[in-house]
PDB file of N, CA and C in Angstrom:
ATOM      1  N   UNK A   1       5.610  83.154   2.955  1.00  0.00           N
ATOM      2  CA  UNK A   1       5.074  81.857   2.280  1.00  0.00           C
ATOM      3  C   UNK A   1       3.947  81.957   1.527  1.00  0.00           C
ATOM      4  N   UNK A   2       4.005  81.502   0.415  1.00  0.00           N
ATOM      5  CA  UNK A   2       3.010  81.220  -0.397  1.00  0.00           C
ATOM      6  C   UNK A   2       2.372  79.948  -0.901  1.00  0.00           C
ATOM      7  N   UNK A   3       1.382  79.646  -0.978  1.00  0.00           N
ATOM      8  CA  UNK A   3       0.770  78.336  -1.333  1.00  0.00           C
ATOM      9  C   UNK A   3       0.882  78.032  -2.865  1.00  0.00           C
ATOM     10  N   UNK A   4       1.564  77.019  -3.187  1.00  0.00           N
ATOM     11  CA  UNK A   4       1.527  76.741  -4.533  1.00  0.00           C
ATOM     12  C   UNK A   4       0.157  76.126  -5.062  1.00  0.00           C
ATOM     13  N   UNK A   5      -0.322  75.232  -4.090  1.00  0.00           N
ATOM     14  CA  UNK A   5      -1.642  74.710  -4.593  1.00  0.00           C
ATOM     15  C   UNK A   5      -2.309  74.099  -3.171  1.00  0.00           C
ATOM     16  N   UNK A   6      -3.497  73.948  -3.238  1.00  0.00           N
ATOM     17  CA  UNK A   6      -4.129  73.471  -2.163  1.00  0.00           C
ATOM     18  C   UNK A   6      -3.653  71.881  -1.586  1.00  0.00           C
ATOM     19  N   UNK A   7      -3.106  71.067  -2.681  1.00  0.00           N
ATOM     20  CA  UNK A   7      -2.261  70.057  -2.426  1.00  0.00           C
ATOM     21  C   UNK A   7      -0.962  69.975  -1.296  1.00  0.00           C
ATOM     22  N   UNK A   8      -0.593  71.519  -1.244  1.00  0.00           N
ATOM     23  CA  UNK A   8       0.835  71.350  -0.531  1.00  0.00           C
ATOM     24  C   UNK A   8       0.468  71.908   0.826  1.00  0.00           C
ATOM     25  N   UNK A   9      -0.346  71.169   1.596  1.00  0.00           N
ATOM     26  CA  UNK A   9      -0.381  71.731   2.901  1.00  0.00           C
ATOM     27  C   UNK A   9      -0.094  70.738   4.198  1.00  0.00           C
ATOM     28  N   UNK A  10       0.092  71.129   5.240  1.00  0.00           N
ATOM     29  CA  UNK A  10       0.504  70.290   6.333  1.00  0.00           C
ATOM     30  C   UNK A  10       0.176  68.899   6.181  1.00  0.00           C
ATOM     31  N   UNK A  11      -1.397  68.447   6.202  1.00  0.00           N
ATOM     32  CA  UNK A  11      -1.777  67.407   6.113  1.00  0.00           C
ATOM     33  C   UNK A  11      -1.413  66.476   5.212  1.00  0.00           C
ATOM     34  N   UNK A  12      -0.676  67.067   4.103  1.00  0.00           N
ATOM     35  CA  UNK A  12      -0.345  66.235   2.861  1.00  0.00           C
ATOM     36  C   UNK A  12       1.042  65.918   2.723  1.00  0.00           C
ATOM     37  N   UNK A  13       1.833  66.517   4.011  1.00  0.00           N
ATOM     38  CA  UNK A  13       3.369  66.402   4.039  1.00  0.00           C
ATOM     39  C   UNK A  13       3.945  65.483   4.658  1.00  0.00           C
ATOM     40  N   UNK A  14       5.086  64.940   4.051  1.00  0.00           N
ATOM     41  CA  UNK A  14       5.720  63.569   4.953  1.00  0.00           C
ATOM     42  C   UNK A  14       6.311  64.160   6.168  1.00  0.00           C
ATOM     43  N   UNK A  15       6.236  65.229   6.782  1.00  0.00           N
ATOM     44  CA  UNK A  15       6.985  65.782   8.080  1.00  0.00           C
ATOM     45  C   UNK A  15       5.783  65.801   9.043  1.00  0.00           C
ATOM     46  N   UNK A  16       4.273  65.729   8.647  1.00  0.00           N
ATOM     47  CA  UNK A  16       3.415  66.012   9.437  1.00  0.00           C
ATOM     48  C   UNK A  16       2.890  64.617  10.058  1.00  0.00           C
ATOM     49  N   UNK A  17       2.509  64.841  11.089  1.00  0.00           N
ATOM     50  CA  UNK A  17       1.944  63.407  11.838  1.00  0.00           C
ATOM     51  C   UNK A  17       0.627  63.788  12.877  1.00  0.00           C
ATOM     52  N   UNK A  18      -0.446  63.425  12.380  1.00  0.00           N
ATOM     53  CA  UNK A  18      -1.571  63.803  12.928  1.00  0.00           C
ATOM     54  C   UNK A  18      -2.539  62.753  13.681  1.00  0.00           C
ATOM     55  N   UNK A  19      -1.740  61.357  13.765  1.00  0.00           N
ATOM     56  CA  UNK A  19      -2.464  60.348  14.258  1.00  0.00           C
ATOM     57  C   UNK A  19      -2.774  60.382  15.740  1.00  0.00           C
ATOM     58  N   UNK A  20      -3.918  60.247  16.295  1.00  0.00           N
ATOM     59  CA  UNK A  20      -4.298  60.216  17.671  1.00  0.00           C
ATOM     60  C   UNK A  20      -3.208  59.568  18.615  1.00  0.00           C
ATOM     61  N   UNK A  21      -2.734  58.486  18.227  1.00  0.00           N
ATOM     62  CA  UNK A  21      -1.919  57.565  18.833  1.00  0.00           C
ATOM     63  C   UNK A  21      -0.616  58.547  19.112  1.00  0.00           C
ATOM     64  N   UNK A  22      -0.006  58.860  18.174  1.00  0.00           N
ATOM     65  CA  UNK A  22       1.172  59.586  18.080  1.00  0.00           C
ATOM     66  C   UNK A  22       0.799  60.918  19.168  1.00  0.00           C
ATOM     67  N   UNK A  23      -0.093  61.815  18.857  1.00  0.00           N
ATOM     68  CA  UNK A  23      -0.127  62.838  19.723  1.00  0.00           C
ATOM     69  C   UNK A  23      -0.193  62.764  21.110  1.00  0.00           C
ATOM     70  N   UNK A  24      -1.137  61.438  21.439  1.00  0.00           N
ATOM     71  CA  UNK A  24      -1.219  61.037  22.866  1.00  0.00           C
ATOM     72  C   UNK A  24       0.107  60.721  23.523  1.00  0.00           C
ATOM     73  N   UNK A  25       0.958  60.201  22.771  1.00  0.00           N
ATOM     74  CA  UNK A  25       2.439  59.621  23.171  1.00  0.00           C
ATOM     75  C   UNK A  25       3.394  61.146  23.479  1.00  0.00           C
ATOM     76  N   UNK A  26       3.089  61.880  22.726  1.00  0.00           N
ATOM     77  CA  UNK A  26       3.805  63.196  22.503  1.00  0.00           C
ATOM     78  C   UNK A  26       3.256  63.805  23.786  1.00  0.00           C
ATOM     79  N   UNK A  27       1.933  64.098  23.952  1.00  0.00           N
ATOM     80  CA  UNK A  27       1.510  64.901  24.982  1.00  0.00           C
ATOM     81  C   UNK A  27       0.950  64.317  26.039  1.00  0.00           C
ATOM     82  N   UNK A  28       1.859  63.781  26.946  1.00  0.00           N
ATOM     83  CA  UNK A  28       1.758  62.947  28.232  1.00  0.00           C
ATOM     84  C   UNK A  28       0.673  63.603  28.931  1.00  0.00           C
ATOM     85  N   UNK A  29      -0.410  62.877  29.580  1.00  0.00           N
ATOM     86  CA  UNK A  29      -1.351  63.510  30.313  1.00  0.00           C
ATOM     87  C   UNK A  29      -2.428  63.712  29.426  1.00  0.00           C
ATOM     88  N   UNK A  30      -2.437  64.021  28.009  1.00  0.00           N
ATOM     89  CA  UNK A  30      -3.679  64.283  27.386  1.00  0.00           C
ATOM     90  C   UNK A  30      -4.871  63.457  27.613  1.00  0.00           C
ATOM     91  N   UNK A  31      -4.837  62.372  27.767  1.00  0.00           N
ATOM     92  CA  UNK A  31      -5.971  61.552  28.055  1.00  0.00           C
ATOM     93  C   UNK A  31      -6.570  61.834  29.314  1.00  0.00           C
ATOM     94  N   UNK A  32      -5.759  62.440  30.087  1.00  0.00           N
ATOM     95  CA  UNK A  32      -6.291  62.752  31.454  1.00  0.00           C
ATOM     96  C   UNK A  32      -7.589  63.753  31.129  1.00  0.00           C
ATOM     97  N   UNK A  33      -7.296  64.697  30.431  1.00  0.00           N
ATOM     98  CA  UNK A  33      -8.255  65.951  30.175  1.00  0.00           C
ATOM     99  C   UNK A  33      -9.290  65.449  29.128  1.00  0.00           C
ATOM    100  N   UNK A  34      -8.781  64.757  28.080  1.00  0.00           N
ATOM    101  CA  UNK A  34      -9.564  64.501  26.969  1.00  0.00           C
ATOM    102  C   UNK A  34      -8.904  63.251  26.127  1.00  0.00           C
ATOM    103  N   UNK A  35      -8.872  63.350  24.824  1.00  0.00           N
ATOM    104  CA  UNK A  35      -8.301  62.372  23.966  1.00  0.00           C
ATOM    105  C   UNK A  35      -7.929  63.058  22.632  1.00  0.00           C
ATOM    106  N   UNK A  36      -6.781  62.686  22.027  1.00  0.00           N
ATOM    107  CA  UNK A  36      -6.354  63.063  20.968  1.00  0.00           C
ATOM    108  C   UNK A  36      -7.403  62.583  19.496  1.00  0.00           C
ATOM    109  N   UNK A  37      -8.495  61.877  20.058  1.00  0.00           N
ATOM    110  CA  UNK A  37      -9.511  61.397  19.065  1.00  0.00           C
ATOM    111  C   UNK A  37     -10.714  62.410  18.829  1.00  0.00           C
ATOM    112  N   UNK A  38     -10.547  63.393  19.693  1.00  0.00           N
ATOM    113  CA  UNK A  38     -11.698  64.433  19.817  1.00  0.00           C
ATOM    114  C   UNK A  38     -11.748  65.081  18.517  1.00  0.00           C
ATOM    115  N   UNK A  39     -13.193  65.523  18.309  1.00  0.00           N
ATOM    116  CA  UNK A  39     -13.307  66.354  17.123  1.00  0.00           C
ATOM    117  C   UNK A  39     -12.916  67.860  16.900  1.00  0.00           C
ATOM    118  N   UNK A  40     -12.562  68.541  18.307  1.00  0.00           N
ATOM    119  CA  UNK A  40     -11.999  69.698  18.447  1.00  0.00           C
ATOM    120  C   UNK A  40     -10.593  70.039  17.744  1.00  0.00           C
ATOM    121  N   UNK A  41      -9.994  68.941  17.783  1.00  0.00           N
ATOM    122  CA  UNK A  41      -8.437  68.937  17.105  1.00  0.00           C
ATOM    123  C   UNK A  41      -8.596  69.042  15.808  1.00  0.00           C
ATOM    124  N   UNK A  42      -9.695  68.480  14.932  1.00  0.00           N
ATOM    125  CA  UNK A  42      -9.790  68.572  13.665  1.00  0.00           C
ATOM    126  C   UNK A  42      -8.603  67.617  13.071  1.00  0.00           C
ATOM    127  N   UNK A  43      -8.006  68.140  12.140  1.00  0.00           N
ATOM    128  CA  UNK A  43      -6.903  67.189  11.661  1.00  0.00           C
ATOM    129  C   UNK A  43      -5.572  67.664  11.860  1.00  0.00           C
ATOM    130  N   UNK A  44      -5.361  68.576  12.842  1.00  0.00           N
ATOM    131  CA  UNK A  44      -4.126  69.392  13.411  1.00  0.00           C
ATOM    132  C   UNK A  44      -3.227  68.235  13.844  1.00  0.00           C
ATOM    133  N   UNK A  45      -1.818  68.448  13.743  1.00  0.00           N
ATOM    134  CA  UNK A  45      -0.797  67.475  14.203  1.00  0.00           C
ATOM    135  C   UNK A  45       0.564  68.099  14.397  1.00  0.00           C
ATOM    136  N   UNK A  46       1.528  67.409  14.496  1.00  0.00           N
ATOM    137  CA  UNK A  46       2.987  67.736  14.778  1.00  0.00           C
ATOM    138  C   UNK A  46       3.569  67.823  13.506  1.00  0.00           C
ATOM    139  N   UNK A  47       4.604  68.819  13.409  1.00  0.00           N
ATOM    140  CA  UNK A  47       5.505  68.693  12.142  1.00  0.00           C
ATOM    141  C   UNK A  47       6.793  68.521  12.848  1.00  0.00           C
ATOM    142  N   UNK A  48       7.156  67.044  12.334  1.00  0.00           N
ATOM    143  CA  UNK A  48       8.555  66.699  12.935  1.00  0.00           C
ATOM    144  C   UNK A  48       9.769  67.453  12.664  1.00  0.00           C
ATOM    145  N   UNK A  49       9.734  68.159  11.481  1.00  0.00           N
ATOM    146  CA  UNK A  49      10.917  68.923  11.117  1.00  0.00           C
ATOM    147  C   UNK A  49      10.986  70.092  11.890  1.00  0.00           C
ATOM    148  N   UNK A  50       9.835  70.777  12.204  1.00  0.00           N
ATOM    149  CA  UNK A  50       9.756  71.962  13.276  1.00  0.00           C
ATOM    150  C   UNK A  50       9.467  71.661  14.564  1.00  0.00           C
ATOM    151  N   UNK A  51       9.172  70.585  14.940  1.00  0.00           N
ATOM    152  CA  UNK A  51       8.780  70.230  16.166  1.00  0.00           C
ATOM    153  C   UNK A  51       7.671  71.197  16.761  1.00  0.00           C
ATOM    154  N   UNK A  52       6.543  71.476  15.959  1.00  0.00           N
ATOM    155  CA  UNK A  52       5.349  72.357  16.437  1.00  0.00           C
ATOM    156  C   UNK A  52       4.288  71.550  16.084  1.00  0.00           C
ATOM    157  N   UNK A  53       3.267  72.010  16.857  1.00  0.00           N
ATOM    158  CA  UNK A  53       2.057  71.486  16.729  1.00  0.00           C
ATOM    159  C   UNK A  53       1.318  72.639  15.805  1.00  0.00           C
ATOM    160  N   UNK A  54       0.672  71.959  14.675  1.00  0.00           N
ATOM    161  CA  UNK A  54       0.287  72.974  13.455  1.00  0.00           C
ATOM    162  C   UNK A  54      -1.141  72.721  12.953  1.00  0.00           C
ATOM    163  N   UNK A  55      -1.843  73.315  12.530  1.00  0.00           N
ATOM    164  CA  UNK A  55      -2.937  73.332  11.708  1.00  0.00           C
ATOM    165  C   UNK A  55      -2.544  72.302  10.495  1.00  0.00           C
ATOM    166  N   UNK A  56      -3.484  71.451  10.304  1.00  0.00           N
ATOM    167  CA  UNK A  56      -3.339  70.428   9.058  1.00  0.00           C
ATOM    168  C   UNK A  56      -3.581  71.323   7.729  1.00  0.00           C
ATOM    169  N   UNK A  57      -3.897  72.495   7.857  1.00  0.00           N
ATOM    170  CA  UNK A  57      -4.285  73.541   6.554  1.00  0.00           C
ATOM    171  C   UNK A  57      -2.705  74.332   6.531  1.00  0.00           C
ATOM    172  N   UNK A  58      -1.846  74.143   7.371  1.00  0.00           N
ATOM    173  CA  UNK A  58      -0.664  75.179   7.403  1.00  0.00           C
ATOM    174  C   UNK A  58       0.051  74.901   6.106  1.00  0.00           C
ATOM    175  N   UNK A  59       1.157  75.595   5.926  1.00  0.00           N
ATOM    176  CA  UNK A  59       2.006  75.357   4.875  1.00  0.00           C
ATOM    177  C   UNK A  59       3.260  76.134   5.144  1.00  0.00           C
ATOM    178  N   UNK A  60       4.278  75.455   4.456  1.00  0.00           N
ATOM    179  CA  UNK A  60       5.655  76.254   4.658  1.00  0.00           C
ATOM    180  C   UNK A  60       6.625  75.738   3.359  1.00  0.00           C
ATOM    181  N   UNK A  61       7.791  76.342   3.405  1.00  0.00           N
ATOM    182  CA  UNK A  61       8.724  76.093   2.147  1.00  0.00           C
ATOM    183  C   UNK A  61       9.337  74.716   2.339  1.00  0.00           C
ATOM    184  N   UNK A  62       9.042  74.104   3.328  1.00  0.00           N
ATOM    185  CA  UNK A  62       9.723  72.599   3.260  1.00  0.00           C
ATOM    186  C   UNK A  62       8.817  71.503   3.238  1.00  0.00           C
ATOM    187  N   UNK A  63       7.953  71.943   2.454  1.00  0.00           N
ATOM    188  CA  UNK A  63       6.753  70.714   2.006  1.00  0.00           C
ATOM    189  C   UNK A  63       7.376  69.665   1.221  1.00  0.00           C
ATOM    190  N   UNK A  64       7.119  68.364   1.659  1.00  0.00           N
ATOM    191  CA  UNK A  64       7.669  67.078   1.010  1.00  0.00           C
ATOM    192  C   UNK A  64       6.511  66.324   1.074  1.00  0.00           C
ATOM    193  N   UNK A  65       5.918  65.881  -0.202  1.00  0.00           N
ATOM    194  CA  UNK A  65       4.640  65.171  -0.485  1.00  0.00           C
ATOM    195  C   UNK A  65       4.723  63.705   0.548  1.00  0.00           C
ATOM    196  N   UNK A  66       3.938  63.495   1.149  1.00  0.00           N
ATOM    197  CA  UNK A  66       3.711  62.299   1.868  1.00  0.00           C
ATOM    198  C   UNK A  66       3.578  61.243   1.117  1.00  0.00           C
ATOM    199  N   UNK A  67       4.045  59.869   1.288  1.00  0.00           N
ATOM    200  CA  UNK A  67       3.883  58.755   0.418  1.00  0.00           C
ATOM    201  C   UNK A  67       2.158  58.428   0.553  1.00  0.00           C
ATOM    202  N   UNK A  68       1.583  58.175  -0.368  1.00  0.00           N
ATOM    203  CA  UNK A  68       0.082  58.053  -0.299  1.00  0.00           C
ATOM    204  C   UNK A  68      -0.051  56.591   0.266  1.00  0.00           C
ATOM    205  N   UNK A  69      -0.881  56.527   1.182  1.00  0.00           N
ATOM    206  CA  UNK A  69      -1.566  55.104   1.855  1.00  0.00           C
ATOM    207  C   UNK A  69      -0.529  54.911   3.016  1.00  0.00           C
ATOM    208  N   UNK A  70       0.333  55.808   3.536  1.00  0.00           N
ATOM    209  CA  UNK A  70       1.030  55.502   4.795  1.00  0.00           C
ATOM    210  C   UNK A  70       0.739  56.691   5.723  1.00  0.00           C
ATOM    211  N   UNK A  71       0.917  56.604   6.969  1.00  0.00           N
ATOM    212  CA  UNK A  71       0.919  57.550   8.049  1.00  0.00           C
ATOM    213  C   UNK A  71       2.070  58.056   8.312  1.00  0.00           C
ATOM    214  N   UNK A  72       2.608  59.174   7.790  1.00  0.00           N
ATOM    215  CA  UNK A  72       3.784  60.078   8.320  1.00  0.00           C
ATOM    216  C   UNK A  72       4.165  60.073   9.619  1.00  0.00           C
ATOM    217  N   UNK A  73       5.404  59.935  10.054  1.00  0.00           N
ATOM    218  CA  UNK A  73       5.718  60.020  11.521  1.00  0.00           C
ATOM    219  C   UNK A  73       7.076  60.730  11.697  1.00  0.00           C
ATOM    220  N   UNK A  74       7.585  60.934  12.828  1.00  0.00           N
ATOM    221  CA  UNK A  74       9.094  61.439  12.912  1.00  0.00           C
ATOM    222  C   UNK A  74      10.024  60.736  12.141  1.00  0.00           C
ATOM    223  N   UNK A  75       9.879  59.474  11.890  1.00  0.00           N
ATOM    224  CA  UNK A  75      10.914  58.872  11.007  1.00  0.00           C
ATOM    225  C   UNK A  75      10.824  59.087   9.486  1.00  0.00           C
ATOM    226  N   UNK A  76       9.844  60.155   9.184  1.00  0.00           N
ATOM    227  CA  UNK A  76       9.724  60.402   7.790  1.00  0.00           C
ATOM    228  C   UNK A  76      10.713  61.403   7.580  1.00  0.00           C
ATOM    229  N   UNK A  77      11.471  61.959   8.325  1.00  0.00           N
ATOM    230  CA  UNK A  77      12.207  63.190   8.173  1.00  0.00           C
ATOM    231  C   UNK A  77      13.573  62.741   7.555  1.00  0.00           C
TER     232      UNK A  77
END
């Protein structure tokens, strides 16, 4: 995997969802221990294409630019 540009990272991908609400719905019981709103999570989230929890700075060959102004989710696949 090679990064074509800094703009092609998970955070800017249509397959990536890092909304706290979405993460709390995926990881049942997360709010018992903490919250998806915590700062330790940074901007990490879920790749709906690979079904993995990933760093927002990650990258892969399946990058698809997210639509600006919207929150990508599993339906964006």
